Amino acid sequence: MNKVTELLDAVAHVITNVRNLADSLQVVADVLTDMKSVEVTESQPVEQIPEKTSKPKKKKAKVYTLEDVRGVLAEKSQNGLTSEVKGLIAKFGGSKLSDIDPSNYEAIIKEAEVLGNE
């Protein structure tokens, strides 16, 4: 009978441990459920805060100087495009660069940039 008593005590101990484990698992499940409901609540916006919309800054057009144009045209001329550079100056009404109206400098530079790329 001694062995049967020991076995019954061991089974009772196992049953107690399983009940404790079940209780612990229930606590963990409750905590996880609470955490999930908190996450859902936090992810829902309470009120929308309008974002600040910044106006796009306008780029100021670069104002080209005679020296800027001269530098670009000199580089093109050194690359073997002297006749094209002279033609470009003539196109804008000059026989030399200083004859060109400064308001045309940007257009001359844009056209000069494509010289030799054709």
PDB file of N, CA and C in Angstrom:
ATOM      1  N   MET A   1       0.805  -1.191   0.000  1.00  0.00           N
ATOM      2  CA  MET A   1       0.000   0.000   0.000  1.00  0.00           C
ATOM      3  C   MET A   1       0.844   1.248   0.000  1.00  0.00           C
ATOM      4  N   ASN A   2       1.972   1.155   0.471  1.00  0.00           N
ATOM      5  CA  ASN A   2       2.860   2.291   0.536  1.00  0.00           C
ATOM      6  C   ASN A   2       3.151   2.844  -0.856  1.00  0.00           C
ATOM      7  N   LYS A   3       3.341   1.965  -1.794  1.00  0.00           N
ATOM      8  CA  LYS A   3       3.627   2.389  -3.169  1.00  0.00           C
ATOM      9  C   LYS A   3       2.406   3.044  -3.792  1.00  0.00           C
ATOM     10  N   VAL A   4       1.237   2.556  -3.499  1.00  0.00           N
ATOM     11  CA  VAL A   4       0.005   3.127  -4.047  1.00  0.00           C
ATOM     12  C   VAL A   4      -0.199   4.526  -3.474  1.00  0.00           C
ATOM     13  N   THR A   5       0.091   4.710  -2.237  1.00  0.00           N
ATOM     14  CA  THR A   5      -0.042   6.021  -1.609  1.00  0.00           C
ATOM     15  C   THR A   5       0.937   7.013  -2.230  1.00  0.00           C
ATOM     16  N   GLU A   6       2.146   6.564  -2.450  1.00  0.00           N
ATOM     17  CA  GLU A   6       3.146   7.439  -3.090  1.00  0.00           C
ATOM     18  C   GLU A   6       2.702   7.823  -4.500  1.00  0.00           C
ATOM     19  N   LEU A   7       2.132   6.852  -5.215  1.00  0.00           N
ATOM     20  CA  LEU A   7       1.667   7.117  -6.573  1.00  0.00           C
ATOM     21  C   LEU A   7       0.513   8.110  -6.558  1.00  0.00           C
ATOM     22  N   LEU A   8      -0.423   7.945  -5.633  1.00  0.00           N
ATOM     23  CA  LEU A   8      -1.558   8.868  -5.538  1.00  0.00           C
ATOM     24  C   LEU A   8      -1.090  10.278  -5.153  1.00  0.00           C
ATOM     25  N   ASP A   9      -0.123  10.358  -4.268  1.00  0.00           N
ATOM     26  CA  ASP A   9       0.430  11.666  -3.895  1.00  0.00           C
ATOM     27  C   ASP A   9       1.103  12.334  -5.096  1.00  0.00           C
ATOM     28  N   ALA A  10       1.823  11.543  -5.882  1.00  0.00           N
ATOM     29  CA  ALA A  10       2.496  12.089  -7.073  1.00  0.00           C
ATOM     30  C   ALA A  10       1.476  12.569  -8.101  1.00  0.00           C
ATOM     31  N   VAL A  11       0.398  11.785  -8.284  1.00  0.00           N
ATOM     32  CA  VAL A  11      -0.651  12.180  -9.234  1.00  0.00           C
ATOM     33  C   VAL A  11      -1.334  13.452  -8.740  1.00  0.00           C
ATOM     34  N   ALA A  12      -1.598  13.548  -7.463  1.00  0.00           N
ATOM     35  CA  ALA A  12      -2.225  14.746  -6.900  1.00  0.00           C
ATOM     36  C   ALA A  12      -1.321  15.962  -7.095  1.00  0.00           C
ATOM     37  N   HIS A  13      -0.022  15.745  -6.924  1.00  0.00           N
ATOM     38  CA  HIS A  13       0.947  16.827  -7.124  1.00  0.00           C
ATOM     39  C   HIS A  13       0.958  17.280  -8.595  1.00  0.00           C
ATOM     40  N   VAL A  14       0.910  16.324  -9.514  1.00  0.00           N
ATOM     41  CA  VAL A  14       0.878  16.648 -10.948  1.00  0.00           C
ATOM     42  C   VAL A  14      -0.399  17.410 -11.281  1.00  0.00           C
ATOM     43  N   ILE A  15      -1.520  16.972 -10.744  1.00  0.00           N
ATOM     44  CA  ILE A  15      -2.799  17.651 -10.999  1.00  0.00           C
ATOM     45  C   ILE A  15      -2.744  19.083 -10.485  1.00  0.00           C
ATOM     46  N   THR A  16      -2.167  19.291  -9.326  1.00  0.00           N
ATOM     47  CA  THR A  16      -2.032  20.638  -8.769  1.00  0.00           C
ATOM     48  C   THR A  16      -1.162  21.509  -9.678  1.00  0.00           C
ATOM     49  N   ASN A  17      -0.065  20.935 -10.142  1.00  0.00           N
ATOM     50  CA  ASN A  17       0.826  21.691 -11.041  1.00  0.00           C
ATOM     51  C   ASN A  17       0.148  22.024 -12.373  1.00  0.00           C
ATOM     52  N   VAL A  18      -0.650  21.094 -12.889  1.00  0.00           N
ATOM     53  CA  VAL A  18      -1.364  21.349 -14.150  1.00  0.00           C
ATOM     54  C   VAL A  18      -2.391  22.460 -13.943  1.00  0.00           C
ATOM     55  N   ARG A  19      -3.076  22.454 -12.802  1.00  0.00           N
ATOM     56  CA  ARG A  19      -4.044  23.526 -12.507  1.00  0.00           C
ATOM     57  C   ARG A  19      -3.328  24.877 -12.400  1.00  0.00           C
ATOM     58  N   ASN A  20      -2.168  24.890 -11.740  1.00  0.00           N
ATOM     59  CA  ASN A  20      -1.387  26.132 -11.627  1.00  0.00           C
ATOM     60  C   ASN A  20      -0.934  26.620 -13.009  1.00  0.00           C
ATOM     61  N   LEU A  21      -0.536  25.651 -13.829  1.00  0.00           N
ATOM     62  CA  LEU A  21      -0.129  25.997 -15.190  1.00  0.00           C
ATOM     63  C   LEU A  21      -1.303  26.576 -15.970  1.00  0.00           C
ATOM     64  N   ALA A  22      -2.474  25.985 -15.831  1.00  0.00           N
ATOM     65  CA  ALA A  22      -3.668  26.474 -16.522  1.00  0.00           C
ATOM     66  C   ALA A  22      -4.015  27.886 -16.053  1.00  0.00           C
ATOM     67  N   ASP A  23      -3.907  28.109 -14.742  1.00  0.00           N
ATOM     68  CA  ASP A  23      -4.175  29.448 -14.206  1.00  0.00           C
ATOM     69  C   ASP A  23      -3.170  30.464 -14.758  1.00  0.00           C
ATOM     70  N   SER A  24      -1.902  30.075 -14.822  1.00  0.00           N
ATOM     71  CA  SER A  24      -0.863  30.971 -15.354  1.00  0.00           C
ATOM     72  C   SER A  24      -1.101  31.272 -16.829  1.00  0.00           C
ATOM     73  N   LEU A  25      -1.470  30.245 -17.582  1.00  0.00           N
ATOM     74  CA  LEU A  25      -1.758  30.454 -19.006  1.00  0.00           C
ATOM     75  C   LEU A  25      -2.963  31.369 -19.203  1.00  0.00           C
ATOM     76  N   GLN A  26      -3.949  31.259 -18.328  1.00  0.00           N
ATOM     77  CA  GLN A  26      -5.116  32.136 -18.422  1.00  0.00           C
ATOM     78  C   GLN A  26      -4.713  33.589 -18.159  1.00  0.00           C
ATOM     79  N   VAL A  27      -3.830  33.808 -17.190  1.00  0.00           N
ATOM     80  CA  VAL A  27      -3.346  35.162 -16.901  1.00  0.00           C
ATOM     81  C   VAL A  27      -2.607  35.724 -18.113  1.00  0.00           C
ATOM     82  N   VAL A  28      -1.750  34.906 -18.717  1.00  0.00           N
ATOM     83  CA  VAL A  28      -1.008  35.349 -19.904  1.00  0.00           C
ATOM     84  C   VAL A  28      -1.978  35.682 -21.034  1.00  0.00           C
ATOM     85  N   ALA A  29      -2.987  34.843 -21.241  1.00  0.00           N
ATOM     86  CA  ALA A  29      -3.974  35.088 -22.296  1.00  0.00           C
ATOM     87  C   ALA A  29      -4.730  36.387 -22.045  1.00  0.00           C
ATOM     88  N   ASP A  30      -5.087  36.643 -20.790  1.00  0.00           N
ATOM     89  CA  ASP A  30      -5.790  37.884 -20.456  1.00  0.00           C
ATOM     90  C   ASP A  30      -4.920  39.110 -20.729  1.00  0.00           C
ATOM     91  N   VAL A  31      -3.645  39.017 -20.357  1.00  0.00           N
ATOM     92  CA  VAL A  31      -2.724  40.137 -20.588  1.00  0.00           C
ATOM     93  C   VAL A  31      -2.570  40.394 -22.081  1.00  0.00           C
ATOM     94  N   LEU A  32      -2.400  39.334 -22.856  1.00  0.00           N
ATOM     95  CA  LEU A  32      -2.255  39.497 -24.308  1.00  0.00           C
ATOM     96  C   LEU A  32      -3.514  40.089 -24.934  1.00  0.00           C
ATOM     97  N   THR A  33      -4.676  39.676 -24.460  1.00  0.00           N
ATOM     98  CA  THR A  33      -5.929  40.230 -24.968  1.00  0.00           C
ATOM     99  C   THR A  33      -6.020  41.712 -24.647  1.00  0.00           C
ATOM    100  N   ASP A  34      -5.645  42.082 -23.429  1.00  0.00           N
ATOM    101  CA  ASP A  34      -5.652  43.497 -23.050  1.00  0.00           C
ATOM    102  C   ASP A  34      -4.676  44.297 -23.904  1.00  0.00           C
ATOM    103  N   MET A  35      -3.500  43.727 -24.154  1.00  0.00           N
ATOM    104  CA  MET A  35      -2.503  44.428 -24.974  1.00  0.00           C
ATOM    105  C   MET A  35      -3.021  44.630 -26.391  1.00  0.00           C
ATOM    106  N   LYS A  36      -3.690  43.641 -26.941  1.00  0.00           N
ATOM    107  CA  LYS A  36      -4.209  43.750 -28.297  1.00  0.00           C
ATOM    108  C   LYS A  36      -5.262  44.845 -28.371  1.00  0.00           C
ATOM    109  N   SER A  37      -6.133  44.936 -27.372  1.00  0.00           N
ATOM    110  CA  SER A  37      -7.158  45.977 -27.401  1.00  0.00           C
ATOM    111  C   SER A  37      -6.533  47.355 -27.232  1.00  0.00           C
ATOM    112  N   VAL A  38      -5.433  47.461 -26.491  1.00  0.00           N
ATOM    113  CA  VAL A  38      -4.728  48.734 -26.349  1.00  0.00           C
ATOM    114  C   VAL A  38      -4.093  49.127 -27.673  1.00  0.00           C
ATOM    115  N   GLU A  39      -3.482  48.158 -28.381  1.00  0.00           N
ATOM    116  CA  GLU A  39      -2.866  48.450 -29.675  1.00  0.00           C
ATOM    117  C   GLU A  39      -3.898  48.946 -30.670  1.00  0.00           C
ATOM    118  N   VAL A  40      -5.064  48.314 -30.705  1.00  0.00           N
ATOM    119  CA  VAL A  40      -6.116  48.723 -31.630  1.00  0.00           C
ATOM    120  C   VAL A  40      -6.581  50.125 -31.290  1.00  0.00           C
ATOM    121  N   THR A  41      -6.758  50.409 -30.022  1.00  0.00           N
ATOM    122  CA  THR A  41      -7.200  51.731 -29.606  1.00  0.00           C
ATOM    123  C   THR A  41      -6.160  52.787 -29.947  1.00  0.00           C
ATOM    124  N   GLU A  42      -4.877  52.488 -29.723  1.00  0.00           N
ATOM    125  CA  GLU A  42      -3.824  53.459 -30.002  1.00  0.00           C
ATOM    126  C   GLU A  42      -3.644  53.696 -31.489  1.00  0.00           C
ATOM    127  N   SER A  43      -3.910  52.680 -32.309  1.00  0.00           N
ATOM    128  CA  SER A  43      -3.696  52.854 -33.743  1.00  0.00           C
ATOM    129  C   SER A  43      -4.813  53.652 -34.396  1.00  0.00           C
ATOM    130  N   GLN A  44      -5.951  53.777 -33.721  1.00  0.00           N
ATOM    131  CA  GLN A  44      -7.037  54.570 -34.269  1.00  0.00           C
ATOM    132  C   GLN A  44      -6.797  56.029 -33.897  1.00  0.00           C
ATOM    133  N   PRO A  45      -6.731  56.906 -34.889  1.00  0.00           N
ATOM    134  CA  PRO A  45      -6.457  58.309 -34.577  1.00  0.00           C
ATOM    135  C   PRO A  45      -7.621  58.943 -33.827  1.00  0.00           C
ATOM    136  N   VAL A  46      -7.282  59.674 -32.779  1.00  0.00           N
ATOM    137  CA  VAL A  46      -8.295  60.364 -32.008  1.00  0.00           C
ATOM    138  C   VAL A  46      -8.814  61.545 -32.802  1.00  0.00           C
ATOM    139  N   GLU A  47      -7.906  62.332 -33.316  1.00  0.00           N
ATOM    140  CA  GLU A  47      -8.280  63.424 -34.203  1.00  0.00           C
ATOM    141  C   GLU A  47      -7.131  63.667 -35.157  1.00  0.00           C
ATOM    142  N   GLN A  48      -7.476  64.056 -36.329  1.00  0.00           N
ATOM    143  CA  GLN A  48      -6.462  64.298 -37.343  1.00  0.00           C
ATOM    144  C   GLN A  48      -5.857  65.677 -37.126  1.00  0.00           C
ATOM    145  N   ILE A  49      -4.551  65.712 -37.055  1.00  0.00           N
ATOM    146  CA  ILE A  49      -3.841  66.983 -36.970  1.00  0.00           C
ATOM    147  C   ILE A  49      -3.416  67.338 -38.381  1.00  0.00           C
ATOM    148  N   PRO A  50      -3.867  68.468 -38.882  1.00  0.00           N
ATOM    149  CA  PRO A  50      -3.500  68.814 -40.261  1.00  0.00           C
ATOM    150  C   PRO A  50      -2.001  69.038 -40.383  1.00  0.00           C
ATOM    151  N   GLU A  51      -1.447  68.474 -41.448  1.00  0.00           N
ATOM    152  CA  GLU A  51      -0.021  68.648 -41.690  1.00  0.00           C
ATOM    153  C   GLU A  51       0.223  70.041 -42.245  1.00  0.00           C
ATOM    154  N   LYS A  52       1.350  70.571 -41.870  1.00  0.00           N
ATOM    155  CA  LYS A  52       1.718  71.870 -42.410  1.00  0.00           C
ATOM    156  C   LYS A  52       2.136  71.670 -43.851  1.00  0.00           C
ATOM    157  N   THR A  53       1.507  72.413 -44.697  1.00  0.00           N
ATOM    158  CA  THR A  53       1.881  72.325 -46.105  1.00  0.00           C
ATOM    159  C   THR A  53       2.752  73.523 -46.426  1.00  0.00           C
ATOM    160  N   SER A  54       3.930  73.208 -46.836  1.00  0.00           N
ATOM    161  CA  SER A  54       4.833  74.292 -47.185  1.00  0.00           C
ATOM    162  C   SER A  54       4.715  74.555 -48.671  1.00  0.00           C
ATOM    163  N   LYS A  55       4.740  75.793 -49.000  1.00  0.00           N
ATOM    164  CA  LYS A  55       4.673  76.162 -50.404  1.00  0.00           C
ATOM    165  C   LYS A  55       6.008  75.842 -51.041  1.00  0.00           C
ATOM    166  N   PRO A  56       5.951  75.257 -52.220  1.00  0.00           N
ATOM    167  CA  PRO A  56       7.225  74.975 -52.882  1.00  0.00           C
ATOM    168  C   PRO A  56       7.973  76.273 -53.156  1.00  0.00           C
ATOM    169  N   LYS A  57       9.234  76.227 -52.816  1.00  0.00           N
ATOM    170  CA  LYS A  57      10.039  77.422 -53.032  1.00  0.00           C
ATOM    171  C   LYS A  57      10.356  77.543 -54.505  1.00  0.00           C
ATOM    172  N   LYS A  58      10.165  78.721 -54.996  1.00  0.00           N
ATOM    173  CA  LYS A  58      10.461  78.959 -56.404  1.00  0.00           C
ATOM    174  C   LYS A  58      11.962  79.129 -56.564  1.00  0.00           C
ATOM    175  N   LYS A  59      12.471  78.449 -57.560  1.00  0.00           N
ATOM    176  CA  LYS A  59      13.887  78.616 -57.844  1.00  0.00           C
ATOM    177  C   LYS A  59      14.063  79.927 -58.588  1.00  0.00           C
ATOM    178  N   LYS A  60      15.011  80.667 -58.132  1.00  0.00           N
ATOM    179  CA  LYS A  60      15.325  81.888 -58.852  1.00  0.00           C
ATOM    180  C   LYS A  60      16.183  81.509 -60.043  1.00  0.00           C
ATOM    181  N   ALA A  61      15.811  82.051 -61.168  1.00  0.00           N
ATOM    182  CA  ALA A  61      16.583  81.770 -62.373  1.00  0.00           C
ATOM    183  C   ALA A  61      17.961  82.397 -62.217  1.00  0.00           C
ATOM    184  N   LYS A  62      18.959  81.644 -62.609  1.00  0.00           N
ATOM    185  CA  LYS A  62      20.318  82.162 -62.512  1.00  0.00           C
ATOM    186  C   LYS A  62      20.477  83.285 -63.520  1.00  0.00           C
ATOM    187  N   VAL A  63      21.074  84.331 -63.072  1.00  0.00           N
ATOM    188  CA  VAL A  63      21.360  85.452 -63.963  1.00  0.00           C
ATOM    189  C   VAL A  63      22.778  85.252 -64.479  1.00  0.00           C
ATOM    190  N   TYR A  64      22.873  85.038 -65.778  1.00  0.00           N
ATOM    191  CA  TYR A  64      24.174  84.790 -66.387  1.00  0.00           C
ATOM    192  C   TYR A  64      24.863  86.104 -66.716  1.00  0.00           C
ATOM    193  N   THR A  65      26.162  86.100 -66.520  1.00  0.00           N
ATOM    194  CA  THR A  65      26.965  87.284 -66.824  1.00  0.00           C
ATOM    195  C   THR A  65      27.726  87.049 -68.122  1.00  0.00           C
ATOM    196  N   LEU A  66      28.340  88.111 -68.601  1.00  0.00           N
ATOM    197  CA  LEU A  66      29.160  88.011 -69.807  1.00  0.00           C
ATOM    198  C   LEU A  66      30.273  86.985 -69.592  1.00  0.00           C
ATOM    199  N   GLU A  67      30.834  86.964 -68.386  1.00  0.00           N
ATOM    200  CA  GLU A  67      31.914  86.027 -68.083  1.00  0.00           C
ATOM    201  C   GLU A  67      31.427  84.574 -68.123  1.00  0.00           C
ATOM    202  N   ASP A  68      30.198  84.338 -67.652  1.00  0.00           N
ATOM    203  CA  ASP A  68      29.627  82.986 -67.708  1.00  0.00           C
ATOM    204  C   ASP A  68      29.513  82.511 -69.154  1.00  0.00           C
ATOM    205  N   VAL A  69      28.958  83.371 -69.986  1.00  0.00           N
ATOM    206  CA  VAL A  69      28.768  83.019 -71.398  1.00  0.00           C
ATOM    207  C   VAL A  69      30.122  82.833 -72.071  1.00  0.00           C
ATOM    208  N   ARG A  70      31.035  83.734 -71.778  1.00  0.00           N
ATOM    209  CA  ARG A  70      32.369  83.643 -72.379  1.00  0.00           C
ATOM    210  C   ARG A  70      33.035  82.315 -72.003  1.00  0.00           C
ATOM    211  N   GLY A  71      32.902  81.903 -70.755  1.00  0.00           N
ATOM    212  CA  GLY A  71      33.499  80.647 -70.305  1.00  0.00           C
ATOM    213  C   GLY A  71      32.929  79.443 -71.036  1.00  0.00           C
ATOM    214  N   VAL A  72      31.613  79.397 -71.179  1.00  0.00           N
ATOM    215  CA  VAL A  72      30.972  78.272 -71.869  1.00  0.00           C
ATOM    216  C   VAL A  72      31.375  78.247 -73.335  1.00  0.00           C
ATOM    217  N   LEU A  73      31.332  79.418 -73.983  1.00  0.00           N
ATOM    218  CA  LEU A  73      31.670  79.470 -75.411  1.00  0.00           C
ATOM    219  C   LEU A  73      33.152  79.187 -75.647  1.00  0.00           C
ATOM    220  N   ALA A  74      34.014  79.625 -74.741  1.00  0.00           N
ATOM    221  CA  ALA A  74      35.445  79.359 -74.886  1.00  0.00           C
ATOM    222  C   ALA A  74      35.717  77.857 -74.797  1.00  0.00           C
ATOM    223  N   GLU A  75      35.043  77.194 -73.882  1.00  0.00           N
ATOM    224  CA  GLU A  75      35.221  75.744 -73.752  1.00  0.00           C
ATOM    225  C   GLU A  75      34.781  75.027 -75.029  1.00  0.00           C
ATOM    226  N   LYS A  76      33.648  75.444 -75.586  1.00  0.00           N
ATOM    227  CA  LYS A  76      33.165  74.831 -76.830  1.00  0.00           C
ATOM    228  C   LYS A  76      34.134  75.097 -77.973  1.00  0.00           C
ATOM    229  N   SER A  77      34.660  76.310 -78.017  1.00  0.00           N
ATOM    230  CA  SER A  77      35.608  76.669 -79.075  1.00  0.00           C
ATOM    231  C   SER A  77      36.884  75.837 -78.966  1.00  0.00           C
ATOM    232  N   GLN A  78      37.353  75.619 -77.737  1.00  0.00           N
ATOM    233  CA  GLN A  78      38.558  74.810 -77.524  1.00  0.00           C
ATOM    234  C   GLN A  78      38.330  73.346 -77.888  1.00  0.00           C
ATOM    235  N   ASN A  79      37.084  72.925 -77.873  1.00  0.00           N
ATOM    236  CA  ASN A  79      36.746  71.550 -78.241  1.00  0.00           C
ATOM    237  C   ASN A  79      36.497  71.398 -79.741  1.00  0.00           C
ATOM    238  N   GLY A  80      36.918  72.398 -80.522  1.00  0.00           N
ATOM    239  CA  GLY A  80      36.812  72.301 -81.974  1.00  0.00           C
ATOM    240  C   GLY A  80      35.507  72.792 -82.557  1.00  0.00           C
ATOM    241  N   LEU A  81      34.752  73.540 -81.806  1.00  0.00           N
ATOM    242  CA  LEU A  81      33.457  74.025 -82.285  1.00  0.00           C
ATOM    243  C   LEU A  81      33.468  75.535 -82.520  1.00  0.00           C
ATOM    244  N   THR A  82      34.592  76.061 -82.960  1.00  0.00           N
ATOM    245  CA  THR A  82      34.739  77.508 -83.136  1.00  0.00           C
ATOM    246  C   THR A  82      33.725  78.059 -84.127  1.00  0.00           C
ATOM    247  N   SER A  83      33.545  77.393 -85.257  1.00  0.00           N
ATOM    248  CA  SER A  83      32.604  77.914 -86.258  1.00  0.00           C
ATOM    249  C   SER A  83      31.173  77.881 -85.723  1.00  0.00           C
ATOM    250  N   GLU A  84      30.816  76.854 -84.935  1.00  0.00           N
ATOM    251  CA  GLU A  84      29.476  76.792 -84.346  1.00  0.00           C
ATOM    252  C   GLU A  84      29.282  77.910 -83.321  1.00  0.00           C
ATOM    253  N   VAL A  85      30.325  78.216 -82.558  1.00  0.00           N
ATOM    254  CA  VAL A  85      30.252  79.296 -81.570  1.00  0.00           C
ATOM    255  C   VAL A  85      30.046  80.630 -82.277  1.00  0.00           C
ATOM    256  N   LYS A  86      30.794  80.864 -83.361  1.00  0.00           N
ATOM    257  CA  LYS A  86      30.621  82.112 -84.123  1.00  0.00           C
ATOM    258  C   LYS A  86      29.219  82.190 -84.706  1.00  0.00           C
ATOM    259  N   GLY A  87      28.701  81.067 -85.194  1.00  0.00           N
ATOM    260  CA  GLY A  87      27.335  81.037 -85.725  1.00  0.00           C
ATOM    261  C   GLY A  87      26.305  81.344 -84.653  1.00  0.00           C
ATOM    262  N   LEU A  88      26.540  80.866 -83.447  1.00  0.00           N
ATOM    263  CA  LEU A  88      25.629  81.123 -82.334  1.00  0.00           C
ATOM    264  C   LEU A  88      25.622  82.607 -81.969  1.00  0.00           C
ATOM    265  N   ILE A  89      26.800  83.223 -81.960  1.00  0.00           N
ATOM    266  CA  ILE A  89      26.883  84.663 -81.664  1.00  0.00           C
ATOM    267  C   ILE A  89      26.154  85.451 -82.746  1.00  0.00           C
ATOM    268  N   ALA A  90      26.347  85.055 -84.000  1.00  0.00           N
ATOM    269  CA  ALA A  90      25.680  85.745 -85.111  1.00  0.00           C
ATOM    270  C   ALA A  90      24.165  85.557 -85.027  1.00  0.00           C
ATOM    271  N   LYS A  91      23.737  84.388 -84.604  1.00  0.00           N
ATOM    272  CA  LYS A  91      22.297  84.104 -84.488  1.00  0.00           C
ATOM    273  C   LYS A  91      21.624  85.089 -83.542  1.00  0.00           C
ATOM    274  N   PHE A  92      22.351  85.513 -82.509  1.00  0.00           N
ATOM    275  CA  PHE A  92      21.784  86.444 -81.540  1.00  0.00           C
ATOM    276  C   PHE A  92      22.132  87.900 -81.863  1.00  0.00           C
ATOM    277  N   GLY A  93      22.541  88.145 -83.109  1.00  0.00           N
ATOM    278  CA  GLY A  93      22.696  89.518 -83.591  1.00  0.00           C
ATOM    279  C   GLY A  93      24.011  90.187 -83.275  1.00  0.00           C
ATOM    280  N   GLY A  94      25.078  89.442 -83.123  1.00  0.00           N
ATOM    281  CA  GLY A  94      26.355  90.076 -82.836  1.00  0.00           C
ATOM    282  C   GLY A  94      27.471  89.512 -83.683  1.00  0.00           C
ATOM    283  N   SER A  95      28.515  90.336 -83.834  1.00  0.00           N
ATOM    284  CA  SER A  95      29.709  89.841 -84.510  1.00  0.00           C
ATOM    285  C   SER A  95      30.739  89.400 -83.468  1.00  0.00           C
ATOM    286  N   LYS A  96      30.537  89.849 -82.229  1.00  0.00           N
ATOM    287  CA  LYS A  96      31.359  89.422 -81.104  1.00  0.00           C
ATOM    288  C   LYS A  96      30.450  89.319 -79.882  1.00  0.00           C
ATOM    289  N   LEU A  97      30.912  88.620 -78.886  1.00  0.00           N
ATOM    290  CA  LEU A  97      30.077  88.322 -77.724  1.00  0.00           C
ATOM    291  C   LEU A  97      29.590  89.580 -77.012  1.00  0.00           C
ATOM    292  N   SER A  98      30.410  90.586 -76.932  1.00  0.00           N
ATOM    293  CA  SER A  98      30.007  91.808 -76.221  1.00  0.00           C
ATOM    294  C   SER A  98      28.885  92.557 -76.944  1.00  0.00           C
ATOM    295  N   ASP A  99      28.591  92.191 -78.203  1.00  0.00           N
ATOM    296  CA  ASP A  99      27.487  92.817 -78.938  1.00  0.00           C
ATOM    297  C   ASP A  99      26.126  92.241 -78.528  1.00  0.00           C
ATOM    298  N   ILE A 100      26.130  91.104 -77.851  1.00  0.00           N
ATOM    299  CA  ILE A 100      24.883  90.409 -77.523  1.00  0.00           C
ATOM    300  C   ILE A 100      24.206  91.071 -76.331  1.00  0.00           C
ATOM    301  N   ASP A 101      22.874  91.189 -76.414  1.00  0.00           N
ATOM    302  CA  ASP A 101      22.066  91.737 -75.322  1.00  0.00           C
ATOM    303  C   ASP A 101      22.126  90.770 -74.128  1.00  0.00           C
ATOM    304  N   PRO A 102      22.428  91.262 -72.919  1.00  0.00           N
ATOM    305  CA  PRO A 102      22.521  90.393 -71.737  1.00  0.00           C
ATOM    306  C   PRO A 102      21.251  89.577 -71.464  1.00  0.00           C
ATOM    307  N   SER A 103      20.107  90.019 -71.936  1.00  0.00           N
ATOM    308  CA  SER A 103      18.881  89.248 -71.721  1.00  0.00           C
ATOM    309  C   SER A 103      18.893  87.935 -72.507  1.00  0.00           C
ATOM    310  N   ASN A 104      19.799  87.816 -73.470  1.00  0.00           N
ATOM    311  CA  ASN A 104      19.906  86.599 -74.276  1.00  0.00           C
ATOM    312  C   ASN A 104      20.968  85.626 -73.751  1.00  0.00           C
ATOM    313  N   TYR A 105      21.666  85.978 -72.691  1.00  0.00           N
ATOM    314  CA  TYR A 105      22.759  85.140 -72.202  1.00  0.00           C
ATOM    315  C   TYR A 105      22.280  83.727 -71.834  1.00  0.00           C
ATOM    316  N   GLU A 106      21.151  83.629 -71.165  1.00  0.00           N
ATOM    317  CA  GLU A 106      20.648  82.314 -70.763  1.00  0.00           C
ATOM    318  C   GLU A 106      20.355  81.453 -71.989  1.00  0.00           C
ATOM    319  N   ALA A 107      19.726  82.039 -73.004  1.00  0.00           N
ATOM    320  CA  ALA A 107      19.404  81.290 -74.222  1.00  0.00           C
ATOM    321  C   ALA A 107      20.673  80.856 -74.948  1.00  0.00           C
ATOM    322  N   ILE A 108      21.677  81.725 -74.975  1.00  0.00           N
ATOM    323  CA  ILE A 108      22.942  81.372 -75.636  1.00  0.00           C
ATOM    324  C   ILE A 108      23.593  80.193 -74.911  1.00  0.00           C
ATOM    325  N   ILE A 109      23.603  80.244 -73.589  1.00  0.00           N
ATOM    326  CA  ILE A 109      24.219  79.158 -72.823  1.00  0.00           C
ATOM    327  C   ILE A 109      23.472  77.847 -73.062  1.00  0.00           C
ATOM    328  N   LYS A 110      22.144  77.901 -73.071  1.00  0.00           N
ATOM    329  CA  LYS A 110      21.376  76.675 -73.305  1.00  0.00           C
ATOM    330  C   LYS A 110      21.672  76.093 -74.678  1.00  0.00           C
ATOM    331  N   GLU A 111      21.759  76.937 -75.680  1.00  0.00           N
ATOM    332  CA  GLU A 111      22.067  76.447 -77.026  1.00  0.00           C
ATOM    333  C   GLU A 111      23.508  75.966 -77.119  1.00  0.00           C
ATOM    334  N   ALA A 112      24.411  76.650 -76.433  1.00  0.00           N
ATOM    335  CA  ALA A 112      25.821  76.255 -76.473  1.00  0.00           C
ATOM    336  C   ALA A 112      26.031  74.897 -75.798  1.00  0.00           C
ATOM    337  N   GLU A 113      25.251  74.618 -74.762  1.00  0.00           N
ATOM    338  CA  GLU A 113      25.406  73.352 -74.048  1.00  0.00           C
ATOM    339  C   GLU A 113      25.118  72.148 -74.934  1.00  0.00           C
ATOM    340  N   VAL A 114      24.268  72.311 -75.937  1.00  0.00           N
ATOM    341  CA  VAL A 114      23.956  71.175 -76.814  1.00  0.00           C
ATOM    342  C   VAL A 114      24.885  71.101 -78.016  1.00  0.00           C
ATOM    343  N   LEU A 115      25.722  72.119 -78.207  1.00  0.00           N
ATOM    344  CA  LEU A 115      26.683  72.068 -79.315  1.00  0.00           C
ATOM    345  C   LEU A 115      27.626  70.888 -79.109  1.00  0.00           C
ATOM    346  N   GLY A 116      27.851  70.153 -80.159  1.00  0.00           N
ATOM    347  CA  GLY A 116      28.750  69.009 -80.076  1.00  0.00           C
ATOM    348  C   GLY A 116      28.074  67.745 -79.576  1.00  0.00           C
ATOM    349  N   ASN A 117      26.851  67.861 -79.098  1.00  0.00           N
ATOM    350  CA  ASN A 117      26.114  66.690 -78.621  1.00  0.00           C
ATOM    351  C   ASN A 117      25.207  66.127 -79.705  1.00  0.00           C
ATOM    352  N   GLU A 118      25.194  66.774 -80.826  1.00  0.00           N
ATOM    353  CA  GLU A 118      24.259  66.404 -81.891  1.00  0.00           C
ATOM    354  C   GLU A 118      24.745  65.258 -82.707  1.00  0.00           C
TER     355      GLU A 118
END
